[in-house]
Amino acid sequence: MADLLQLPPQALEAEMAVLGSMMIEAEAVDRALEYLEESDFYKDSHRKVFHAAAELHGANQAVDIVTVSDHLRAQKLLGEVGGPQFLKELVDKVSTAAHVEHYAHIVREKSVLRELIRTATEVVGQAYREEMPSNKLLDEAQSRILAVAQRSAVTGFVAAKDLAHQVINDIEALHQRKGEVTGVPTGLKKFDRMTAGFQKGDLILIAARPSQGKTALALNVMAHVVLHAKTPVPTAFFSLEMSKNAIMTRLIASEARVNLHEARNGFFRRDRWTDLTNAASRLSEAPLFIDDSAALSILDVRSRARRLQMELNSRGQQLGLIMIDYLQLMRGPNRRVESRQQEVSEISRGLKHLARDMNIPVVALSQLNRRTEDKGRTDNKPQLSDLRESGSLEQDADVVGLIHREGYYNRSDPSVERNAELIIAKQRNGPVGTCELTFISELARFENKELGEDPEEAEETQVSFT
């Protein structure tokens, strides 16, 4: 009980130092406003003085003891804050405004702690009152704690001189390794040449119409990442559509090159059993983690990915890739959205923030709308504008790959049955173009189309940068 009666975290001296600095130097006002809001101050009189200074600054007027005093007097607040004597006390608190940023950081830190205490206390109260099911309360609690965390993250400008040296070192390292994939390798040779793999902090969308092979392509890439890459990359796979057993069945059958339908109904040749068990053995040792929970929210994905990352860090490993199958089955962080389009926009932004915050690539599968099947589309090839339900998907994504299988639309021509394309419709930092693939339907597997010559010597397809 004694702990509950303690005063909230506060730094009144630092608050006074910030306000005093703002009234003795114009530049201190800009620096303080960059870090602080009115609500960050604990004492009400300090909030009123800060608000007055901010209003004067916004009106391009000088901020000093005279103007602030006059502004507060006009609003009949000067007496409430302590009169001119209090403002003089604030100015006398500091001899220079040079340390205003340091004072502001202290004030903000205490404000974040108070906000965290308030949020946690409200969650505790809701838990005691049993106002909602535990899963909904957990979702809301995560959302509110995340909002506090995002508020506490203050970033500013970085000088070019600090960045230039770091970037030139990175370029030199790439020059030494020329030709190598710099990100997470997908195993799709042409795609890796065009993108250098999945890059840290990027949101990658793999989109297609139903039955085009989104999940198959994702599983092929994931198998390469955890089994065949030079250094296996720990991967988290969120399957909102299929069960974990179905996912593992497809992985084992594809890796063993056993007909998927036969593996599922048990009618495979006895001599293929060794291939299946060997594939299962390799996958059992792979750094692959599957979550098949349905209707996950972006907050669920974030919290589970962070827990997995901490668990891997404790073993000396690092989570290197997140894959989500598929985006339209997710829930947004806010249950009270006006439309599904707005919800998908929130999910898209959340996934991009997840990739940036964790500094790993996030691959999300996505549906395309029916426009690819319009009669006006002679070849049925998908376009970037076909992304379903939200224009923010193409804005937030760093790379968008669209799957097109000619054999799916032209089943009367056996010569194109296995033809497939992964169209890079957008790449923020690289070329766009088409990667030809082969789709083996009985294995639910995409493979590289044979080029007939060494990839390093192959003539590059003409591409353009976005």
Protein backbone atom coordinates (compact mmCIF):
# COMPACT_ATOMS: atom_id res chain seq x y z
CA MET A 1 0.00 0.00 0.00
CA ALA A 2 2.90 2.31 0.80
CA ASP A 3 4.17 1.84 -2.77
CA LEU A 4 0.77 2.82 -4.19
CA LEU A 5 0.88 6.09 -2.20
CA GLN A 6 4.21 7.13 -3.67
CA LEU A 7 4.30 10.22 -5.87
CA PRO A 8 4.55 9.50 -9.61
CA PRO A 9 7.96 9.93 -11.24
CA GLN A 10 8.70 13.64 -11.66
CA ALA A 11 11.55 16.07 -12.17
CA LEU A 12 10.29 19.51 -11.12
CA GLU A 13 13.77 21.02 -11.12
CA ALA A 14 14.33 19.85 -14.70
CA GLU A 15 10.90 21.19 -15.71
CA MET A 16 11.78 24.60 -14.28
CA ALA A 17 15.18 24.51 -16.02
CA VAL A 18 13.51 23.81 -19.39
CA LEU A 19 11.07 26.70 -18.98
CA GLY A 20 13.80 29.05 -17.78
CA SER A 21 15.99 28.11 -20.77
CA MET A 22 13.11 28.78 -23.17
CA MET A 23 12.72 32.33 -21.81
CA ILE A 24 16.39 33.29 -22.05
CA GLU A 25 17.32 31.94 -25.50
CA ALA A 26 15.23 31.66 -28.69
CA GLU A 27 17.00 28.52 -29.95
CA ALA A 28 16.14 26.74 -26.70
CA VAL A 29 12.44 27.05 -27.57
CA ASP A 30 12.93 25.08 -30.81
CA ARG A 31 14.94 22.40 -29.05
CA ALA A 32 12.44 22.06 -26.21
CA LEU A 33 9.46 21.85 -28.58
CA GLU A 34 11.23 19.10 -30.53
CA TYR A 35 11.29 16.83 -27.48
CA LEU A 36 8.39 17.90 -25.29
CA GLU A 37 4.64 18.37 -25.28
CA GLU A 38 2.53 20.24 -22.77
CA SER A 39 1.38 16.96 -21.21
CA ASP A 40 4.99 15.95 -20.43
CA PHE A 41 5.10 18.43 -17.53
CA TYR A 42 4.00 17.11 -14.14
CA LYS A 43 3.10 20.43 -12.49
CA ASP A 44 0.04 22.22 -13.83
CA SER A 45 1.61 25.69 -13.59
CA HIS A 46 4.58 24.44 -15.63
CA ARG A 47 2.18 23.18 -18.32
CA LYS A 48 0.52 26.60 -18.55
CA VAL A 49 3.85 28.39 -18.93
CA PHE A 50 5.03 25.90 -21.60
CA HIS A 51 1.74 26.28 -23.48
CA ALA A 52 2.09 30.08 -23.44
CA ALA A 53 5.68 29.90 -24.71
CA ALA A 54 4.67 27.47 -27.47
CA GLU A 55 1.81 29.71 -28.59
CA LEU A 56 4.07 32.76 -28.73
CA HIS A 57 6.67 30.83 -30.70
CA GLY A 58 4.03 29.58 -33.11
CA ALA A 59 2.94 33.15 -33.71
CA ASN A 60 6.57 34.15 -34.49
CA GLN A 61 6.77 36.32 -31.39
CA ALA A 62 9.65 36.58 -28.96
CA VAL A 63 9.59 34.26 -25.95
CA ASP A 64 10.91 35.92 -22.79
CA ILE A 65 9.77 36.76 -19.30
CA VAL A 66 7.93 39.89 -20.48
CA THR A 67 6.02 38.35 -23.41
CA VAL A 68 5.12 35.16 -21.50
CA SER A 69 3.93 37.23 -18.55
CA ASP A 70 1.82 39.43 -20.80
CA HIS A 71 0.37 36.40 -22.65
CA LEU A 72 -0.62 34.68 -19.40
CA ARG A 73 -2.10 37.92 -18.05
CA ALA A 74 -4.25 38.30 -21.17
CA GLN A 75 -5.61 34.80 -20.59
CA LYS A 76 -6.12 35.52 -16.87
CA LEU A 77 -3.69 32.74 -15.96
CA LEU A 78 -0.76 34.74 -14.57
CA GLY A 79 -2.02 34.55 -11.01
CA GLU A 80 -2.66 30.81 -11.30
CA VAL A 81 0.95 30.07 -12.23
CA GLY A 82 2.39 32.21 -9.42
CA GLY A 83 2.62 35.66 -10.95
CA PRO A 84 5.66 37.49 -12.43
CA GLN A 85 7.74 36.43 -9.43
CA PHE A 86 7.36 32.77 -10.43
CA LEU A 87 8.47 33.49 -14.00
CA LYS A 88 11.51 35.34 -12.64
CA GLU A 89 12.26 32.31 -10.46
CA LEU A 90 12.23 30.11 -13.58
CA VAL A 91 14.68 32.38 -15.40
CA ASP A 92 16.96 32.55 -12.37
CA LYS A 93 16.99 28.74 -12.25
CA VAL A 94 19.48 28.52 -15.13
CA SER A 95 22.41 30.65 -16.15
CA THR A 96 22.56 29.32 -19.69
CA ALA A 97 20.26 27.49 -22.11
CA ALA A 98 23.05 25.25 -23.40
CA HIS A 99 21.76 22.20 -21.54
CA VAL A 100 18.09 22.50 -22.44
CA GLU A 101 18.12 19.20 -24.38
CA HIS A 102 19.48 17.37 -21.35
CA TYR A 103 16.76 18.86 -19.14
CA ALA A 104 14.11 18.04 -21.76
CA HIS A 105 15.22 14.39 -21.91
CA ILE A 106 14.84 14.11 -18.14
CA VAL A 107 11.34 15.62 -18.25
CA ARG A 108 10.29 13.31 -21.10
CA GLU A 109 11.68 10.24 -19.36
CA LYS A 110 9.61 10.97 -16.26
CA SER A 111 6.55 11.63 -18.43
CA VAL A 112 6.90 8.26 -20.18
CA LEU A 113 7.19 6.50 -16.82
CA ARG A 114 4.04 8.22 -15.57
CA GLU A 115 2.20 7.25 -18.74
CA LEU A 116 3.36 3.65 -18.34
CA ILE A 117 2.17 3.59 -14.72
CA ARG A 118 -1.20 5.07 -15.71
CA THR A 119 -1.67 2.58 -18.56
CA ALA A 120 -0.62 -0.41 -16.45
CA THR A 121 -2.89 0.69 -13.59
CA GLU A 122 -5.88 0.95 -15.93
CA VAL A 123 -5.13 -2.52 -17.34
CA VAL A 124 -4.89 -3.93 -13.79
CA GLY A 125 -8.24 -2.33 -12.95
CA GLN A 126 -9.88 -3.82 -16.04
CA ALA A 127 -8.46 -7.23 -15.14
CA TYR A 128 -9.92 -7.02 -11.63
CA ARG A 129 -13.30 -5.91 -12.97
CA GLU A 130 -13.27 -8.71 -15.61
CA GLU A 131 -14.80 -6.33 -18.13
CA MET A 132 -13.69 -8.32 -21.17
CA PRO A 133 -12.26 -11.74 -22.11
CA SER A 134 -8.58 -12.18 -21.30
CA ASN A 135 -7.52 -12.39 -24.97
CA LYS A 136 -9.18 -9.04 -25.75
CA LEU A 137 -7.68 -7.45 -22.66
CA LEU A 138 -4.22 -8.73 -23.61
CA ASP A 139 -4.64 -7.34 -27.13
CA GLU A 140 -5.68 -3.93 -25.80
CA ALA A 141 -2.89 -3.94 -23.19
CA GLN A 142 -0.27 -4.70 -25.85
CA SER A 143 -1.66 -1.94 -28.06
CA ARG A 144 -1.53 0.64 -25.28
CA ILE A 145 1.94 -0.38 -24.08
CA LEU A 146 3.16 -0.25 -27.68
CA ALA A 147 1.77 3.27 -27.99
CA VAL A 148 3.78 4.30 -24.92
CA ALA A 149 6.90 2.65 -26.36
CA GLN A 150 6.52 4.47 -29.68
CA ARG A 151 6.02 7.76 -27.84
CA SER A 152 9.24 7.24 -25.91
CA ALA A 153 11.28 6.74 -29.07
CA VAL A 154 12.69 10.12 -30.03
CA THR A 155 14.88 10.32 -33.10
CA GLY A 156 16.35 13.32 -34.79
CA PHE A 157 18.62 14.33 -37.61
CA VAL A 158 21.93 12.62 -38.22
CA ALA A 159 24.73 14.68 -39.75
CA ALA A 160 25.87 13.69 -43.23
CA LYS A 161 29.48 13.45 -42.02
CA ASP A 162 28.43 10.75 -39.53
CA LEU A 163 26.61 8.75 -42.20
CA ALA A 164 29.04 9.09 -45.09
CA HIS A 165 31.89 7.17 -43.45
CA GLN A 166 29.58 4.32 -42.42
CA VAL A 167 27.99 4.03 -45.88
CA ILE A 168 31.31 4.07 -47.74
CA ASN A 169 32.53 1.22 -45.50
CA ASP A 170 29.40 -0.72 -46.40
CA ILE A 171 29.95 -0.09 -50.11
CA GLU A 172 33.59 -1.20 -49.81
CA ALA A 173 32.51 -4.42 -48.09
CA LEU A 174 30.01 -5.07 -50.89
CA HIS A 175 32.71 -4.43 -53.48
CA GLN A 176 34.94 -7.02 -51.84
CA ARG A 177 32.10 -9.57 -51.95
CA LYS A 178 30.87 -8.67 -55.44
CA GLY A 179 28.12 -10.86 -56.79
CA GLU A 180 27.12 -12.24 -53.41
CA VAL A 181 23.61 -11.92 -52.03
CA THR A 182 23.77 -9.25 -49.33
CA GLY A 183 20.42 -10.06 -47.73
CA VAL A 184 18.56 -13.29 -46.99
CA PRO A 185 18.91 -15.54 -50.09
CA THR A 186 15.69 -16.91 -51.59
CA GLY A 187 17.22 -19.60 -53.80
CA LEU A 188 15.51 -18.02 -56.85
CA LYS A 189 18.62 -17.09 -58.82
CA LYS A 190 17.31 -14.28 -60.99
CA PHE A 191 15.27 -12.81 -58.15
CA ASP A 192 18.37 -12.81 -55.94
CA ARG A 193 20.43 -11.16 -58.68
CA MET A 194 17.87 -8.40 -59.06
CA THR A 195 17.22 -7.81 -55.36
CA ALA A 196 20.37 -9.17 -53.65
CA GLY A 197 17.96 -11.15 -51.45
CA PHE A 198 15.53 -10.00 -48.79
CA GLN A 199 17.07 -6.93 -47.15
CA LYS A 200 16.96 -6.01 -43.47
CA GLY A 201 14.17 -3.62 -42.57
CA ASP A 202 12.26 -4.26 -45.81
CA LEU A 203 8.61 -5.23 -46.17
CA ILE A 204 8.26 -7.66 -49.08
CA LEU A 205 4.84 -8.52 -50.52
CA ILE A 206 4.31 -11.69 -52.56
CA ALA A 207 0.87 -11.38 -54.16
CA ALA A 208 -1.27 -13.47 -56.48
CA ARG A 209 -4.80 -14.63 -57.19
CA PRO A 210 -5.97 -17.79 -55.35
CA SER A 211 -4.41 -21.09 -56.51
CA GLN A 212 -1.45 -19.36 -58.16
CA GLY A 213 1.01 -20.72 -55.58
CA LYS A 214 1.66 -17.98 -53.01
CA THR A 215 2.08 -20.43 -50.14
CA ALA A 216 4.09 -22.85 -52.29
CA LEU A 217 6.54 -20.10 -53.25
CA ALA A 218 6.82 -18.92 -49.65
CA LEU A 219 7.53 -22.47 -48.43
CA ASN A 220 10.10 -23.03 -51.19
CA VAL A 221 11.92 -19.86 -50.18
CA MET A 222 11.65 -20.70 -46.49
CA ALA A 223 13.06 -24.20 -47.06
CA HIS A 224 16.03 -22.71 -48.89
CA VAL A 225 16.59 -20.16 -46.13
CA VAL A 226 16.61 -22.66 -43.25
CA LEU A 227 18.17 -25.65 -45.06
CA HIS A 228 20.26 -24.67 -48.06
CA ALA A 229 21.62 -21.18 -47.40
CA LYS A 230 25.36 -21.02 -46.63
CA THR A 231 24.36 -20.02 -43.11
CA PRO A 232 20.81 -21.15 -42.18
CA VAL A 233 18.66 -18.17 -41.18
CA PRO A 234 16.29 -18.59 -38.19
CA THR A 235 12.81 -17.94 -39.57
CA ALA A 236 9.39 -17.31 -38.01
CA PHE A 237 6.45 -18.44 -40.15
CA PHE A 238 2.96 -17.22 -39.22
CA SER A 239 0.37 -19.37 -40.98
CA LEU A 240 -3.10 -17.87 -40.61
CA GLU A 241 -4.58 -20.10 -43.33
CA MET A 242 -3.12 -23.60 -42.90
CA SER A 243 -2.38 -25.75 -39.85
CA LYS A 244 1.21 -26.35 -38.74
CA ASN A 245 0.86 -30.04 -39.65
CA ALA A 246 -0.27 -29.19 -43.20
CA ILE A 247 2.65 -26.76 -43.53
CA MET A 248 5.16 -29.38 -42.40
CA THR A 249 3.62 -32.01 -44.70
CA ARG A 250 4.09 -29.72 -47.67
CA LEU A 251 7.66 -28.87 -46.65
CA ILE A 252 8.64 -32.52 -46.23
CA ALA A 253 7.00 -33.64 -49.49
CA SER A 254 8.56 -30.77 -51.45
CA GLU A 255 12.01 -31.31 -49.95
CA ALA A 256 11.79 -35.07 -50.64
CA ARG A 257 10.37 -34.38 -54.13
CA VAL A 258 7.44 -36.69 -53.41
CA ASN A 259 4.03 -36.06 -54.98
CA LEU A 260 2.16 -33.98 -52.39
CA HIS A 261 -1.21 -35.64 -53.02
CA GLU A 262 0.36 -39.08 -52.61
CA ALA A 263 2.09 -38.02 -49.41
CA ARG A 264 -1.19 -36.76 -47.98
CA ASN A 265 -3.22 -39.88 -48.78
CA GLY A 266 -0.41 -42.39 -48.16
CA PHE A 267 -0.35 -43.87 -51.69
CA PHE A 268 3.33 -43.25 -52.39
CA ARG A 269 5.85 -45.87 -53.44
CA ARG A 270 7.54 -47.65 -50.58
CA ASP A 271 11.00 -46.76 -51.91
CA ARG A 272 10.17 -43.05 -51.37
CA TRP A 273 9.85 -43.54 -47.61
CA THR A 274 13.59 -43.00 -47.09
CA ASP A 275 13.41 -39.71 -48.98
CA LEU A 276 10.54 -38.56 -46.78
CA THR A 277 12.24 -39.49 -43.51
CA ASN A 278 15.52 -37.90 -44.61
CA ALA A 279 13.70 -34.69 -45.48
CA ALA A 280 11.88 -34.77 -42.15
CA SER A 281 15.19 -35.28 -40.35
CA ARG A 282 16.78 -32.28 -42.06
CA LEU A 283 13.78 -30.08 -41.31
CA SER A 284 13.70 -31.19 -37.67
CA GLU A 285 17.17 -29.66 -37.25
CA ALA A 286 16.32 -26.47 -39.14
CA PRO A 287 15.92 -23.12 -37.31
CA LEU A 288 12.26 -22.89 -38.35
CA PHE A 289 9.44 -21.80 -36.03
CA ILE A 290 5.78 -22.08 -37.09
CA ASP A 291 2.80 -20.36 -35.48
CA ASP A 292 -0.58 -21.40 -36.90
CA SER A 293 -2.79 -19.27 -34.64
CA ALA A 294 -5.82 -17.91 -36.49
CA ALA A 295 -6.87 -14.25 -36.75
CA LEU A 296 -3.66 -12.79 -35.36
CA SER A 297 -3.42 -9.04 -35.02
CA ILE A 298 -0.33 -7.05 -35.93
CA LEU A 299 0.26 -6.66 -32.18
CA ASP A 300 0.17 -10.45 -31.73
CA VAL A 301 2.72 -10.90 -34.51
CA ARG A 302 4.97 -8.21 -33.06
CA SER A 303 4.89 -9.56 -29.49
CA ARG A 304 5.40 -13.20 -30.55
CA ALA A 305 8.23 -12.29 -32.90
CA ARG A 306 9.93 -10.31 -30.14
CA ARG A 307 9.59 -13.20 -27.68
CA LEU A 308 11.10 -15.58 -30.24
CA GLN A 309 13.90 -13.09 -30.91
CA MET A 310 14.74 -12.89 -27.19
CA GLU A 311 14.68 -16.68 -26.91
CA LEU A 312 17.02 -17.04 -29.88
CA ASN A 313 19.32 -14.31 -28.53
CA SER A 314 19.66 -16.28 -25.29
CA ARG A 315 21.03 -19.17 -27.40
CA GLY A 316 23.41 -16.94 -29.33
CA GLN A 317 21.21 -16.88 -32.45
CA GLN A 318 19.44 -14.06 -34.28
CA LEU A 319 15.99 -14.10 -35.86
CA GLY A 320 16.59 -13.32 -39.52
CA LEU A 321 13.24 -13.53 -41.34
CA ILE A 322 9.49 -13.28 -40.66
CA MET A 323 6.95 -14.69 -43.13
CA ILE A 324 3.16 -14.22 -42.90
CA ASP A 325 0.57 -16.26 -44.84
CA TYR A 326 -1.43 -14.18 -45.50
CA LEU A 327 -1.98 -10.47 -44.86
CA GLN A 328 -5.75 -10.26 -45.48
CA LEU A 329 -6.41 -12.80 -42.70
CA MET A 330 -4.81 -10.55 -40.09
CA ARG A 331 -6.59 -8.15 -37.75
CA GLY A 332 -5.60 -4.54 -37.33
CA PRO A 333 -4.45 -3.05 -34.01
CA ASN A 334 -7.68 -1.07 -33.67
CA ARG A 335 -10.97 -2.94 -33.39
CA ARG A 336 -12.99 0.22 -34.06
CA VAL A 337 -11.94 0.97 -37.64
CA GLU A 338 -14.41 2.47 -40.08
CA SER A 339 -13.65 0.15 -43.01
CA ARG A 340 -11.69 -2.93 -44.00
CA GLN A 341 -9.54 -0.75 -46.27
CA GLN A 342 -8.50 1.35 -43.29
CA GLU A 343 -7.78 -1.80 -41.28
CA VAL A 344 -5.55 -3.23 -44.04
CA SER A 345 -3.74 0.12 -44.17
CA GLU A 346 -3.03 -0.13 -40.43
CA ILE A 347 -1.80 -3.72 -40.86
CA SER A 348 0.45 -2.66 -43.73
CA ARG A 349 1.98 0.19 -41.72
CA GLY A 350 2.36 -2.11 -38.72
CA LEU A 351 4.28 -4.69 -40.74
CA LYS A 352 6.58 -2.01 -42.15
CA HIS A 353 7.25 -0.69 -38.64
CA LEU A 354 7.91 -4.27 -37.48
CA ALA A 355 10.52 -4.74 -40.21
CA ARG A 356 12.18 -1.43 -39.36
CA ASP A 357 12.07 -1.86 -35.58
CA MET A 358 13.44 -5.43 -35.60
CA ASN A 359 15.76 -4.71 -38.54
CA ILE A 360 14.87 -7.92 -40.35
CA PRO A 361 12.96 -8.59 -43.60
CA VAL A 362 9.24 -9.24 -43.24
CA VAL A 363 7.61 -11.18 -46.09
CA ALA A 364 3.81 -11.05 -46.27
CA LEU A 365 1.68 -12.92 -48.76
CA SER A 366 -1.27 -11.00 -50.17
CA GLN A 367 -4.33 -11.54 -52.32
CA LEU A 368 -4.94 -9.75 -55.61
CA ASN A 369 -8.36 -8.56 -56.71
CA ARG A 370 -10.28 -10.04 -59.65
CA ARG A 371 -9.20 -7.43 -62.19
CA THR A 372 -6.46 -9.77 -63.41
CA GLU A 373 -9.24 -12.00 -64.78
CA ASP A 374 -11.08 -9.25 -66.65
CA LYS A 375 -11.73 -9.96 -70.31
CA GLY A 376 -9.74 -6.88 -71.20
CA ARG A 377 -6.57 -8.53 -69.85
CA THR A 378 -5.45 -10.70 -72.73
CA ASP A 379 -2.58 -12.32 -70.81
CA ASN A 380 -4.11 -12.09 -67.28
CA LYS A 381 -0.82 -10.74 -65.96
CA PRO A 382 -1.18 -9.02 -62.58
CA GLN A 383 -0.25 -5.39 -62.02
CA LEU A 384 0.74 -3.40 -58.96
CA SER A 385 -2.67 -1.72 -58.88
CA ASP A 386 -4.33 -5.13 -58.41
CA LEU A 387 -3.28 -5.37 -54.77
CA ARG A 388 -6.44 -5.99 -52.83
CA GLU A 389 -8.26 -3.69 -50.37
CA SER A 390 -5.71 -0.94 -49.85
CA GLY A 391 -3.51 1.37 -51.87
CA SER A 392 -1.23 1.65 -48.84
CA LEU A 393 0.10 -1.86 -49.55
CA GLU A 394 2.00 -0.70 -52.62
CA GLN A 395 3.12 2.44 -50.79
CA ASP A 396 4.46 0.70 -47.67
CA ALA A 397 6.10 -2.28 -49.37
CA ASP A 398 9.75 -2.04 -50.38
CA VAL A 399 9.46 -4.97 -52.80
CA VAL A 400 6.31 -6.34 -54.46
CA GLY A 401 6.46 -9.67 -56.30
CA LEU A 402 3.44 -10.80 -58.35
CA ILE A 403 3.03 -14.47 -59.29
CA HIS A 404 1.67 -15.33 -62.73
CA ARG A 405 1.21 -18.86 -64.07
CA GLU A 406 0.33 -19.00 -67.74
CA GLY A 407 -0.62 -22.66 -67.49
CA TYR A 408 -3.37 -21.86 -65.00
CA TYR A 409 -5.20 -19.69 -67.56
CA ASN A 410 -4.29 -21.72 -70.68
CA ARG A 411 -4.85 -25.33 -69.63
CA SER A 412 -5.42 -26.50 -73.18
CA ASP A 413 -1.77 -25.90 -74.08
CA PRO A 414 0.49 -28.46 -72.33
CA SER A 415 3.61 -26.63 -73.50
CA VAL A 416 2.97 -23.80 -71.05
CA GLU A 417 1.73 -25.97 -68.17
CA ARG A 418 4.83 -25.37 -66.04
CA ASN A 419 5.56 -21.79 -67.07
CA ALA A 420 5.55 -19.37 -64.16
CA GLU A 421 6.74 -15.83 -63.56
CA LEU A 422 7.56 -13.82 -60.47
CA ILE A 423 7.08 -10.23 -61.60
CA ILE A 424 9.00 -7.69 -59.51
CA ALA A 425 6.46 -4.89 -59.89
CA LYS A 426 8.11 -2.61 -57.34
CA GLN A 427 11.53 -2.42 -55.78
CA ARG A 428 12.39 0.69 -53.82
CA ASN A 429 16.15 0.27 -54.20
CA GLY A 430 16.57 -1.79 -57.34
CA PRO A 431 15.26 -2.80 -60.76
CA VAL A 432 11.86 -4.13 -61.68
CA GLY A 433 11.36 -6.94 -64.14
CA THR A 434 10.30 -10.55 -64.58
CA CYS A 435 11.89 -13.70 -63.15
CA GLU A 436 11.01 -16.83 -65.14
CA LEU A 437 10.35 -19.90 -63.00
CA THR A 438 9.14 -23.46 -63.40
CA PHE A 439 6.15 -24.64 -61.39
CA ILE A 440 5.90 -28.36 -60.66
CA SER A 441 2.28 -28.75 -59.57
CA GLU A 442 2.54 -32.32 -58.23
CA LEU A 443 5.29 -31.16 -55.85
CA ALA A 444 3.73 -27.73 -55.18
CA ARG A 445 7.18 -26.38 -55.94
CA PHE A 446 8.69 -23.47 -57.85
CA GLU A 447 12.18 -23.92 -59.31
CA ASN A 448 14.61 -21.86 -61.35
CA LYS A 449 14.09 -22.06 -65.09
CA GLU A 450 17.22 -23.39 -66.73
CA LEU A 451 19.06 -20.55 -68.47
CA GLY A 452 21.28 -22.80 -70.53
CA GLU A 453 24.39 -20.82 -69.59
CA ASP A 454 26.31 -19.64 -66.57
CA PRO A 455 24.28 -17.07 -64.61
CA GLU A 456 27.28 -14.76 -64.31
CA GLU A 457 27.66 -14.75 -68.08
CA ALA A 458 23.98 -14.70 -68.92
CA GLU A 459 22.76 -11.61 -70.67
CA GLU A 460 20.78 -9.53 -68.20
CA THR A 461 17.12 -8.88 -68.91
CA GLN A 462 16.40 -5.22 -69.61
CA VAL A 463 15.00 -3.69 -66.47
CA SER A 464 14.10 -0.24 -65.20
CA PHE A 465 14.43 1.38 -61.80
CA THR A 466 11.45 2.85 -59.94
